[in-house]
Protein backbone atom coordinates (compact mmCIF):
# COMPACT_ATOMS: atom_id res chain seq x y z
CA UNK A 1 -43.93 -20.89 25.40
CA UNK A 2 -45.21 -20.94 21.73
CA UNK A 3 -46.82 -17.51 20.35
CA UNK A 4 -50.26 -18.66 19.10
CA UNK A 5 -49.77 -15.50 16.44
CA UNK A 6 -46.56 -17.22 14.84
CA UNK A 7 -46.92 -19.90 12.29
CA UNK A 8 -45.34 -23.03 13.34
CA UNK A 9 -43.57 -25.79 11.68
CA UNK A 10 -44.39 -29.52 13.01
CA UNK A 11 -41.98 -32.25 11.92
CA UNK A 12 -42.76 -35.95 12.34
CA UNK A 13 -39.94 -38.52 11.70
CA UNK A 14 -39.74 -41.82 10.81
CA UNK A 15 -36.44 -44.06 10.46
CA UNK A 16 -36.10 -47.17 8.54
CA UNK A 17 -33.31 -48.77 7.02
CA UNK A 18 -30.94 -45.77 6.66
CA UNK A 19 -33.98 -43.50 5.40
CA UNK A 20 -35.36 -40.77 7.23
CA UNK A 21 -38.65 -39.36 6.36
CA UNK A 22 -39.78 -36.01 7.82
CA UNK A 23 -43.46 -35.11 7.26
CA UNK A 24 -43.40 -31.04 7.65
CA UNK A 25 -46.59 -28.98 8.50
CA UNK A 26 -46.78 -25.26 8.51
CA UNK A 27 -44.59 -22.65 7.65
CA UNK A 28 -40.92 -22.96 6.66
CA UNK A 29 -39.91 -19.51 7.77
CA UNK A 30 -37.16 -17.46 9.66
CA UNK A 31 -38.74 -18.54 12.99
CA UNK A 32 -38.96 -22.27 12.15
CA UNK A 33 -36.15 -23.03 9.88
CA UNK A 34 -33.51 -22.90 12.56
CA UNK A 35 -35.83 -25.37 14.45
CA UNK A 36 -35.82 -27.81 11.58
CA UNK A 37 -32.06 -27.83 11.46
CA UNK A 38 -31.94 -28.83 15.22
CA UNK A 39 -34.66 -31.42 15.20
CA UNK A 40 -33.56 -33.59 12.25
CA UNK A 41 -30.71 -35.97 13.17
CA UNK A 42 -28.76 -37.26 10.28
CA UNK A 43 -26.85 -39.90 12.26
CA UNK A 44 -26.79 -43.26 10.06
CA UNK A 45 -29.19 -41.49 7.30
CA UNK A 46 -28.30 -42.34 3.90
CA UNK A 47 -31.59 -41.15 2.13
CA UNK A 48 -33.51 -38.01 3.60
CA UNK A 49 -37.07 -37.30 2.43
CA UNK A 50 -39.04 -34.35 3.45
CA UNK A 51 -42.86 -34.74 2.89
CA UNK A 52 -44.01 -31.20 2.15
CA UNK A 53 -47.76 -32.26 1.64
CA UNK A 54 -48.88 -30.11 4.55
CA UNK A 55 -46.14 -27.16 4.04
CA UNK A 56 -48.15 -24.14 3.84
CA UNK A 57 -45.36 -21.43 2.82
CA UNK A 58 -41.70 -21.50 2.40
CA UNK A 59 -39.81 -18.35 2.92
CA UNK A 60 -36.16 -17.89 1.63
CA UNK A 61 -34.86 -18.94 4.89
CA UNK A 62 -36.49 -22.35 4.43
CA UNK A 63 -35.08 -22.83 0.93
CA UNK A 64 -31.50 -22.01 2.61
CA UNK A 65 -32.24 -24.75 5.18
CA UNK A 66 -33.32 -27.25 2.59
CA UNK A 67 -30.18 -26.61 0.63
CA UNK A 68 -28.03 -26.88 3.80
CA UNK A 69 -29.45 -30.40 4.18
CA UNK A 70 -28.79 -31.16 0.72
CA UNK A 71 -25.19 -30.26 1.15
CA UNK A 72 -24.78 -32.20 4.43
CA UNK A 73 -26.49 -35.28 2.78
CA UNK A 74 -23.97 -34.89 -0.36
CA UNK A 75 -20.91 -34.83 2.00
CA UNK A 76 -22.07 -37.89 3.79
CA UNK A 77 -22.61 -39.77 0.28
CA UNK A 78 -26.48 -39.69 0.84
CA UNK A 79 -29.36 -38.04 -0.89
CA UNK A 80 -32.33 -35.74 -0.40
CA UNK A 81 -35.79 -35.90 -1.93
CA UNK A 82 -38.81 -33.64 -1.46
CA UNK A 83 -41.98 -35.20 -2.09
CA UNK A 84 -45.80 -34.19 -2.10
CA UNK A 85 -44.54 -30.53 -2.92
CA UNK A 86 -47.65 -28.43 -3.24
CA UNK A 87 -47.94 -26.57 -6.40
CA UNK A 88 -47.53 -23.22 -4.83
CA UNK A 89 -44.15 -24.05 -3.31
CA UNK A 90 -42.97 -26.04 -6.38
CA UNK A 91 -43.43 -22.68 -8.34
CA UNK A 92 -41.09 -21.09 -5.73
CA UNK A 93 -38.67 -23.78 -6.46
CA UNK A 94 -39.02 -23.29 -10.29
CA UNK A 95 -38.96 -19.53 -9.99
CA UNK A 96 -35.45 -19.56 -8.05
CA UNK A 97 -34.02 -22.40 -9.91
CA UNK A 98 -33.83 -24.72 -6.84
CA UNK A 99 -35.75 -27.29 -9.04
CA UNK A 100 -32.56 -28.08 -10.74
CA UNK A 101 -30.75 -28.58 -7.38
CA UNK A 102 -33.26 -30.19 -5.36
CA UNK A 103 -35.15 -33.41 -6.28
CA UNK A 104 -38.81 -32.18 -5.66
CA UNK A 105 -41.89 -34.07 -6.82
CA UNK A 106 -45.50 -33.03 -6.68
């Protein structure tokens, strides 16, 4: 049962020709980050794309999960991209130096 007071993260996934696009909406926080790791199946994925257009907030735990996905994709010979990153979230990447590690585009 979902607690209506806790922010949620919704994940819509679409696969095509080795690319997995995950449209995220909501918060990427300590409560939702582990769910994201469980929901995304990287089997036969060469390119992982996170569409961040509807992400409202990213906590440090969310940043950690994105880095975990990056490491998993690099080990599998694939890549990861973040698209439609809102400015307030892009500034978090810049402030932490993750903009140099993750391919994040507005």
